[in-house]
């Protein structure tokens, strides 16, 4: 994927909707966790992992490789 392809993908309305959904889900899960943390530590850790995974997706950025240079 070229940098231009990546920029096009990030600016695509469908991509923006997916990212908006991920942001909303992160918030929803964090809110739920804020109200129930400590009741089930295994579930807590799972939810934290899900949030972190979604955050990593939201942080995706273009990374140049030698092939791109």
N, C-alpha and C. Protein backbone atom coordinates (compact mmCIF):
# COMPACT_ATOMS: atom_id res chain seq x y z
N UNK A 1 0.85 -1.17 0.00
CA UNK A 1 0.00 0.00 0.00
C UNK A 1 0.90 1.24 0.00
N UNK A 2 0.63 2.12 -0.91
CA UNK A 2 1.40 3.36 -0.97
C UNK A 2 0.86 4.34 0.07
N UNK A 3 1.63 5.38 0.32
CA UNK A 3 1.18 6.40 1.26
C UNK A 3 -0.10 7.06 0.77
N UNK A 4 -0.19 7.29 -0.52
CA UNK A 4 -1.39 7.89 -1.10
C UNK A 4 -2.60 6.96 -0.91
N UNK A 5 -2.42 5.66 -1.12
CA UNK A 5 -3.50 4.69 -0.89
C UNK A 5 -3.95 4.74 0.57
N UNK A 6 -2.98 4.83 1.47
CA UNK A 6 -3.29 4.87 2.90
C UNK A 6 -4.09 6.12 3.23
N UNK A 7 -3.67 7.25 2.71
CA UNK A 7 -4.37 8.52 2.95
C UNK A 7 -5.80 8.44 2.40
N UNK A 8 -5.95 7.86 1.22
CA UNK A 8 -7.28 7.68 0.64
C UNK A 8 -8.15 6.79 1.53
N UNK A 9 -7.56 5.71 2.02
CA UNK A 9 -8.29 4.78 2.88
C UNK A 9 -8.73 5.46 4.17
N UNK A 10 -7.81 6.23 4.79
CA UNK A 10 -8.13 6.90 6.05
C UNK A 10 -9.21 7.96 5.87
N UNK A 11 -9.27 8.56 4.69
CA UNK A 11 -10.25 9.63 4.46
C UNK A 11 -11.57 9.11 3.89
N UNK A 12 -11.63 7.83 3.58
CA UNK A 12 -12.85 7.24 3.04
C UNK A 12 -13.96 7.30 4.11
N UNK A 13 -15.17 7.68 3.73
CA UNK A 13 -16.27 7.78 4.70
C UNK A 13 -16.54 6.46 5.43
N UNK A 14 -16.36 5.34 4.76
CA UNK A 14 -16.59 4.05 5.42
C UNK A 14 -15.55 3.80 6.51
N UNK A 15 -14.31 4.15 6.22
CA UNK A 15 -13.25 4.01 7.22
C UNK A 15 -13.52 4.93 8.40
N UNK A 16 -13.94 6.15 8.11
CA UNK A 16 -14.26 7.09 9.17
C UNK A 16 -15.39 6.57 10.06
N UNK A 17 -16.38 5.93 9.46
CA UNK A 17 -17.49 5.37 10.24
C UNK A 17 -17.00 4.23 11.14
N UNK A 18 -16.12 3.40 10.62
CA UNK A 18 -15.56 2.31 11.42
C UNK A 18 -14.78 2.87 12.59
N UNK A 19 -13.96 3.87 12.33
CA UNK A 19 -13.17 4.48 13.41
C UNK A 19 -14.08 5.14 14.44
N UNK A 20 -15.14 5.78 13.98
CA UNK A 20 -16.10 6.40 14.91
C UNK A 20 -16.75 5.33 15.78
N UNK A 21 -17.12 4.20 15.18
CA UNK A 21 -17.71 3.09 15.93
C UNK A 21 -16.71 2.57 16.98
N UNK A 22 -15.45 2.40 16.58
CA UNK A 22 -14.44 1.91 17.52
C UNK A 22 -14.26 2.87 18.69
N UNK A 23 -14.25 4.16 18.41
CA UNK A 23 -14.14 5.15 19.48
C UNK A 23 -15.32 5.06 20.44
N UNK A 24 -16.51 4.91 19.89
CA UNK A 24 -17.71 4.81 20.72
C UNK A 24 -17.68 3.54 21.57
N UNK A 25 -17.23 2.43 20.97
CA UNK A 25 -17.15 1.17 21.71
C UNK A 25 -16.12 1.25 22.83
N UNK A 26 -15.00 1.88 22.57
CA UNK A 26 -13.98 2.07 23.61
C UNK A 26 -14.59 2.82 24.80
N UNK A 27 -15.30 3.88 24.49
CA UNK A 27 -15.93 4.68 25.53
C UNK A 27 -16.97 3.86 26.30
N UNK A 28 -17.81 3.13 25.58
CA UNK A 28 -18.85 2.34 26.21
C UNK A 28 -18.26 1.26 27.13
N UNK A 29 -17.26 0.57 26.66
CA UNK A 29 -16.63 -0.48 27.47
C UNK A 29 -15.94 0.13 28.68
N UNK A 30 -15.26 1.27 28.48
CA UNK A 30 -14.59 1.94 29.60
C UNK A 30 -15.59 2.39 30.66
N UNK A 31 -16.73 2.91 30.22
CA UNK A 31 -17.78 3.32 31.15
C UNK A 31 -18.30 2.12 31.94
N UNK A 32 -18.53 1.03 31.23
CA UNK A 32 -19.00 -0.19 31.89
C UNK A 32 -17.98 -0.68 32.90
N UNK A 33 -16.73 -0.65 32.52
CA UNK A 33 -15.66 -1.08 33.40
C UNK A 33 -15.55 -0.18 34.62
N UNK A 34 -15.77 1.10 34.43
CA UNK A 34 -15.70 2.05 35.54
C UNK A 34 -16.75 1.73 36.61
N UNK A 35 -17.88 1.17 36.19
CA UNK A 35 -18.96 0.87 37.12
C UNK A 35 -18.88 -0.53 37.71
N UNK A 36 -18.10 -1.42 37.08
CA UNK A 36 -18.09 -2.81 37.55
C UNK A 36 -16.70 -3.34 37.86
N UNK A 37 -15.68 -2.49 37.77
CA UNK A 37 -14.32 -2.96 38.00
C UNK A 37 -14.18 -3.60 39.38
N UNK A 38 -13.49 -4.72 39.40
CA UNK A 38 -13.24 -5.42 40.65
C UNK A 38 -14.20 -6.56 40.94
N UNK A 39 -15.35 -6.56 40.28
CA UNK A 39 -16.31 -7.62 40.50
C UNK A 39 -15.83 -8.94 39.90
N UNK A 40 -15.18 -8.85 38.75
CA UNK A 40 -14.66 -10.03 38.07
C UNK A 40 -13.34 -9.65 37.41
N UNK A 41 -12.23 -9.86 38.12
CA UNK A 41 -10.93 -9.43 37.59
C UNK A 41 -10.58 -10.01 36.21
N UNK A 42 -11.01 -11.22 35.94
CA UNK A 42 -10.73 -11.82 34.62
C UNK A 42 -11.46 -11.05 33.53
N UNK A 43 -12.72 -10.75 33.79
CA UNK A 43 -13.50 -9.96 32.83
C UNK A 43 -12.91 -8.55 32.68
N UNK A 44 -12.48 -7.98 33.80
CA UNK A 44 -11.86 -6.65 33.76
C UNK A 44 -10.67 -6.65 32.81
N UNK A 45 -9.79 -7.63 32.97
CA UNK A 45 -8.58 -7.71 32.15
C UNK A 45 -8.95 -7.91 30.67
N UNK A 46 -9.96 -8.72 30.43
CA UNK A 46 -10.42 -8.94 29.05
C UNK A 46 -10.90 -7.63 28.44
N UNK A 47 -11.72 -6.90 29.19
CA UNK A 47 -12.25 -5.64 28.68
C UNK A 47 -11.14 -4.63 28.44
N UNK A 48 -10.16 -4.58 29.33
CA UNK A 48 -9.02 -3.69 29.13
C UNK A 48 -8.28 -4.08 27.86
N UNK A 49 -8.12 -5.37 27.63
CA UNK A 49 -7.46 -5.85 26.41
C UNK A 49 -8.22 -5.47 25.15
N UNK A 50 -9.53 -5.57 25.21
CA UNK A 50 -10.36 -5.19 24.06
C UNK A 50 -10.21 -3.69 23.78
N UNK A 51 -10.26 -2.89 24.84
CA UNK A 51 -10.10 -1.45 24.67
C UNK A 51 -8.73 -1.15 24.06
N UNK A 52 -7.69 -1.78 24.59
CA UNK A 52 -6.34 -1.52 24.08
C UNK A 52 -6.21 -1.94 22.62
N UNK A 53 -6.82 -3.05 22.26
CA UNK A 53 -6.78 -3.49 20.86
C UNK A 53 -7.45 -2.50 19.94
N UNK A 54 -8.60 -1.98 20.36
CA UNK A 54 -9.30 -0.98 19.55
C UNK A 54 -8.51 0.31 19.48
N UNK A 55 -7.88 0.70 20.59
CA UNK A 55 -7.05 1.91 20.58
C UNK A 55 -5.89 1.77 19.60
N UNK A 56 -5.29 0.60 19.57
CA UNK A 56 -4.19 0.37 18.63
C UNK A 56 -4.67 0.49 17.19
N UNK A 57 -5.87 0.01 16.91
CA UNK A 57 -6.42 0.15 15.56
C UNK A 57 -6.64 1.63 15.23
N UNK A 58 -7.12 2.39 16.21
CA UNK A 58 -7.37 3.81 15.98
C UNK A 58 -6.07 4.60 15.77
N UNK A 59 -4.97 4.08 16.30
CA UNK A 59 -3.68 4.76 16.19
C UNK A 59 -2.93 4.38 14.91
N UNK A 60 -3.51 3.55 14.08
CA UNK A 60 -2.81 3.07 12.89
C UNK A 60 -2.34 4.25 12.04
N UNK A 61 -1.13 4.12 11.55
CA UNK A 61 -0.54 5.19 10.75
C UNK A 61 0.29 4.55 9.65
N UNK A 62 0.60 5.33 8.66
CA UNK A 62 1.39 4.82 7.55
C UNK A 62 2.85 4.73 7.98
N UNK A 63 3.45 3.60 7.66
CA UNK A 63 4.85 3.39 7.99
C UNK A 63 5.61 3.08 6.72
N UNK A 64 6.52 3.95 6.36
CA UNK A 64 7.29 3.74 5.14
C UNK A 64 8.23 2.54 5.28
N UNK A 65 8.34 1.80 4.19
CA UNK A 65 9.28 0.69 4.14
C UNK A 65 10.33 1.02 3.09
N UNK A 66 11.35 0.19 3.02
CA UNK A 66 12.40 0.41 2.03
C UNK A 66 11.82 0.41 0.61
N UNK A 67 10.80 -0.42 0.39
CA UNK A 67 10.18 -0.49 -0.93
C UNK A 67 9.52 0.83 -1.32
N UNK A 68 9.03 1.58 -0.30
CA UNK A 68 8.35 2.84 -0.56
C UNK A 68 9.32 3.98 -0.83
N UNK A 69 10.52 3.86 -0.31
CA UNK A 69 11.49 4.96 -0.40
C UNK A 69 12.01 5.16 -1.79
